Protein backbone atom coordinates (compact mmCIF):
# COMPACT_ATOMS: atom_id res chain seq x y z
CA MET A 1 90.56 65.95 188.47
CA TRP A 2 88.78 65.30 185.17
CA ASP A 3 91.12 67.20 182.84
CA ARG A 4 93.32 64.13 182.15
CA TYR A 5 90.36 61.88 181.34
CA THR A 6 89.70 61.09 177.69
CA GLU A 7 86.27 61.75 176.25
CA ARG A 8 85.59 58.00 176.25
CA ALA A 9 86.58 57.73 179.92
CA ARG A 10 84.21 60.58 180.73
CA LYS A 11 81.46 58.82 178.80
CA VAL A 12 82.09 55.63 180.79
CA MET A 13 81.74 57.64 184.02
CA TYR A 14 78.40 58.94 182.75
CA TYR A 15 77.26 55.41 181.90
CA ALA A 16 78.39 54.20 185.34
CA GLN A 17 76.22 56.88 186.94
CA GLU A 18 73.26 55.76 184.82
CA VAL A 19 73.72 52.15 185.94
CA ALA A 20 74.05 53.22 189.57
CA GLU A 21 70.81 55.21 189.34
CA ALA A 22 69.02 52.32 187.62
CA HIS A 23 70.03 50.00 190.47
CA ASP A 24 68.90 52.52 193.09
CA TYR A 25 72.37 53.64 194.21
CA ASN A 26 73.39 57.20 194.96
CA PHE A 27 77.05 56.29 194.54
CA VAL A 28 79.15 54.71 191.78
CA THR A 29 80.90 51.43 192.61
CA PRO A 30 83.64 49.64 190.63
CA GLU A 31 80.90 47.32 189.35
CA HIS A 32 79.08 50.31 187.85
CA LEU A 33 82.38 51.45 186.29
CA LEU A 34 82.93 48.03 184.73
CA HIS A 35 79.35 47.98 183.46
CA GLY A 36 79.98 51.39 181.86
CA LEU A 37 83.22 50.11 180.31
CA LEU A 38 81.42 47.12 178.85
CA ARG A 39 78.77 49.33 177.27
CA GLU A 40 81.36 50.91 174.96
CA HIS A 41 82.85 48.27 172.64
CA ASP A 42 85.09 50.53 170.55
CA THR A 43 87.30 51.76 173.38
CA VAL A 44 90.80 50.61 174.24
CA ALA A 45 89.33 48.65 177.18
CA GLY A 46 86.91 47.02 174.74
CA ILE A 47 89.78 46.12 172.42
CA LEU A 48 91.74 44.64 175.33
CA LEU A 49 88.77 42.52 176.38
CA CYS A 50 88.23 41.43 172.77
CA ARG A 51 91.89 40.42 172.41
CA LEU A 52 91.46 38.42 175.60
CA GLY A 53 88.54 36.63 173.97
CA CYS A 54 86.06 38.04 176.46
CA ASP A 55 82.39 38.43 175.53
CA SER A 56 81.56 41.92 176.84
CA ASP A 57 77.80 41.32 176.73
CA ALA A 58 78.11 38.09 178.72
CA LEU A 59 80.38 39.81 181.24
CA ARG A 60 77.91 42.68 181.58
CA SER A 61 75.12 40.13 182.22
CA VAL A 62 77.19 38.56 185.00
CA ILE A 63 77.63 41.98 186.62
CA GLU A 64 73.91 42.78 186.31
CA ARG A 65 72.89 39.46 187.90
CA GLN A 66 75.26 39.84 190.84
CA LEU A 67 74.79 43.55 191.53
CA PRO A 68 72.44 43.98 194.48
CA VAL A 69 69.78 46.66 194.62
CA GLY A 70 71.16 49.82 196.22
CA PRO A 71 70.00 51.57 199.37
CA GLY A 72 67.89 54.11 197.47
CA ARG A 73 68.62 57.49 195.97
CA ASN A 74 66.73 59.61 198.53
CA GLY A 75 67.24 62.63 196.26
CA GLU A 76 70.96 62.65 197.04
CA THR A 77 73.68 63.75 194.65
CA MET A 78 75.60 61.01 192.82
CA LYS A 79 79.11 60.39 194.18
CA LEU A 80 81.93 57.86 194.06
CA SER A 81 82.30 55.07 196.60
CA LYS A 82 85.62 54.80 198.40
CA ARG A 83 86.43 51.72 196.31
CA SER A 84 85.74 53.65 193.09
CA VAL A 85 88.08 56.40 194.23
CA GLN A 86 90.68 53.69 194.84
CA VAL A 87 90.06 52.27 191.34
CA LEU A 88 90.53 55.72 189.81
CA GLY A 89 93.71 56.14 191.86
CA HIS A 90 95.00 52.83 190.49
CA ALA A 91 93.97 53.95 186.99
CA SER A 92 95.97 57.15 187.42
CA ALA A 93 98.97 55.17 188.69
CA GLU A 94 98.76 52.85 185.65
CA ALA A 95 98.67 55.86 183.33
CA GLN A 96 101.76 57.28 185.06
CA ARG A 97 103.52 53.90 184.92
CA LEU A 98 102.86 53.81 181.18
CA ARG A 99 103.99 57.45 180.83
CA ASN A 100 100.55 58.41 179.48
CA ASN A 101 99.45 61.99 180.03
CA TRP A 102 95.80 60.88 179.80
CA ILE A 103 93.54 58.50 181.70
CA GLY A 104 91.48 56.35 179.40
CA THR A 105 89.21 53.35 179.51
CA GLU A 106 92.22 51.02 179.47
CA HIS A 107 93.44 52.58 182.69
CA PHE A 108 89.98 52.16 184.27
CA LEU A 109 90.10 48.46 183.39
CA LEU A 110 93.57 48.03 184.90
CA GLY A 111 92.44 50.04 187.93
CA ILE A 112 89.55 47.65 188.60
CA ILE A 113 91.95 44.72 188.43
CA ALA A 114 94.52 46.47 190.63
CA GLU A 115 91.86 47.17 193.27
CA GLY A 116 91.67 43.40 193.64
CA ARG A 117 88.27 42.81 195.20
CA GLY A 118 84.57 42.85 194.55
CA ILE A 119 82.19 41.61 191.88
CA ALA A 120 83.88 43.53 189.05
CA PHE A 121 87.34 42.19 189.90
CA GLU A 122 86.06 38.61 190.24
CA ALA A 123 84.22 38.83 186.91
CA LEU A 124 87.38 40.04 185.14
CA ARG A 125 89.53 37.45 186.89
CA SER A 126 87.13 34.65 185.93
CA ALA A 127 87.37 35.92 182.32
CA GLY A 128 91.13 35.35 182.51
CA LEU A 129 92.33 38.91 183.02
CA ASP A 130 94.94 39.70 185.62
CA LEU A 131 97.08 42.80 185.98
CA HIS A 132 100.15 41.34 184.26
CA ARG A 133 98.15 39.99 181.33
CA GLY A 134 96.22 43.26 181.00
CA ARG A 135 99.44 45.26 180.90
CA CYS A 136 100.93 42.92 178.28
CA ILE A 137 97.87 43.15 176.04
CA LEU A 138 97.84 46.93 176.45
CA HIS A 139 101.52 47.15 175.56
CA GLU A 140 100.85 45.10 172.39
CA PHE A 141 97.98 47.46 171.54
CA TYR A 142 100.15 50.56 172.00
CA GLU A 143 102.87 49.02 169.81
CA SER A 144 100.38 48.41 166.99
CA ALA A 145 98.33 51.61 167.42
CA PRO A 146 97.94 53.99 164.48
CA GLU A 147 99.91 57.21 164.24
CA THR A 148 96.84 59.14 165.43
CA TRP A 149 97.33 57.60 168.85
CA PRO A 150 97.25 58.77 171.66
CA PRO A 151 93.79 60.30 172.00
CA ALA A 152 93.31 64.03 172.21
CA LEU A 153 92.22 65.33 175.58
CA THR A 154 89.25 67.60 175.94
CA THR A 155 88.75 70.29 178.49
CA GLY A 156 85.86 70.84 180.83
CA SER A 157 83.86 68.63 183.14
CA PRO A 158 82.92 65.04 182.44
CA VAL A 159 79.55 64.46 180.83
CA SER A 160 77.24 64.07 183.78
CA ALA A 161 73.58 64.29 184.58
CA ALA A 162 74.45 64.69 188.25
CA PRO A 163 77.87 65.81 189.51
CA LEU A 164 79.78 63.50 191.81
CA ALA A 165 80.08 64.97 195.28
CA PRO A 166 80.99 63.91 198.82
CA VAL A 167 78.26 62.81 201.23
CA PRO A 168 78.05 60.78 204.44
CA ALA A 169 79.11 57.12 204.26
CA GLN A 170 76.67 54.39 203.23
CA PRO A 171 76.95 50.76 204.35
CA ASP A 172 79.94 49.12 202.61
CA ALA A 173 80.66 52.28 200.61
CA GLN A 174 82.53 55.06 202.33
CA MET A 175 82.17 58.23 200.29
CA VAL A 176 84.98 60.63 199.57
CA SER A 177 85.30 63.93 197.79
CA THR A 178 86.13 63.85 194.09
CA SER A 179 87.00 67.50 193.75
CA SER A 180 90.60 68.63 193.40
């Protein structure tokens, strides 16, 4: 599953896990993914948000204020919520639509928007980002990108302190397997 993810996308997944742990979750939600995206300013997602005129730090503060405390870690392995799996599915579909052989931070951002619900989606929507606008800004970026674009893919597993794995469902977050 992770072999198509850019190094930056893998780093964002790691950051999302850190945020989930800090908020006492044992699963990663789309809100954690967005928080991880906002932590890295020099990614394609960061560039898209900048071109939109979005203040990433202010957006991250909105997410932090609205994100409830999780149900507790209970020593369980970190995993993806069903909604996060859907976001990653949308991200993969966006990459395919764009004929990209990688999944990067830009695809994560579009995936959150395509999922269409939750705190992360509402925060992006209130910042003026919708799927059409995101795709247009991304297309403009690709058109003006340097010759070194696209990014090189790396091999191996994503950077992770705790691997994502399937476990029983939690309230409002059905868990699914991330292995393929």
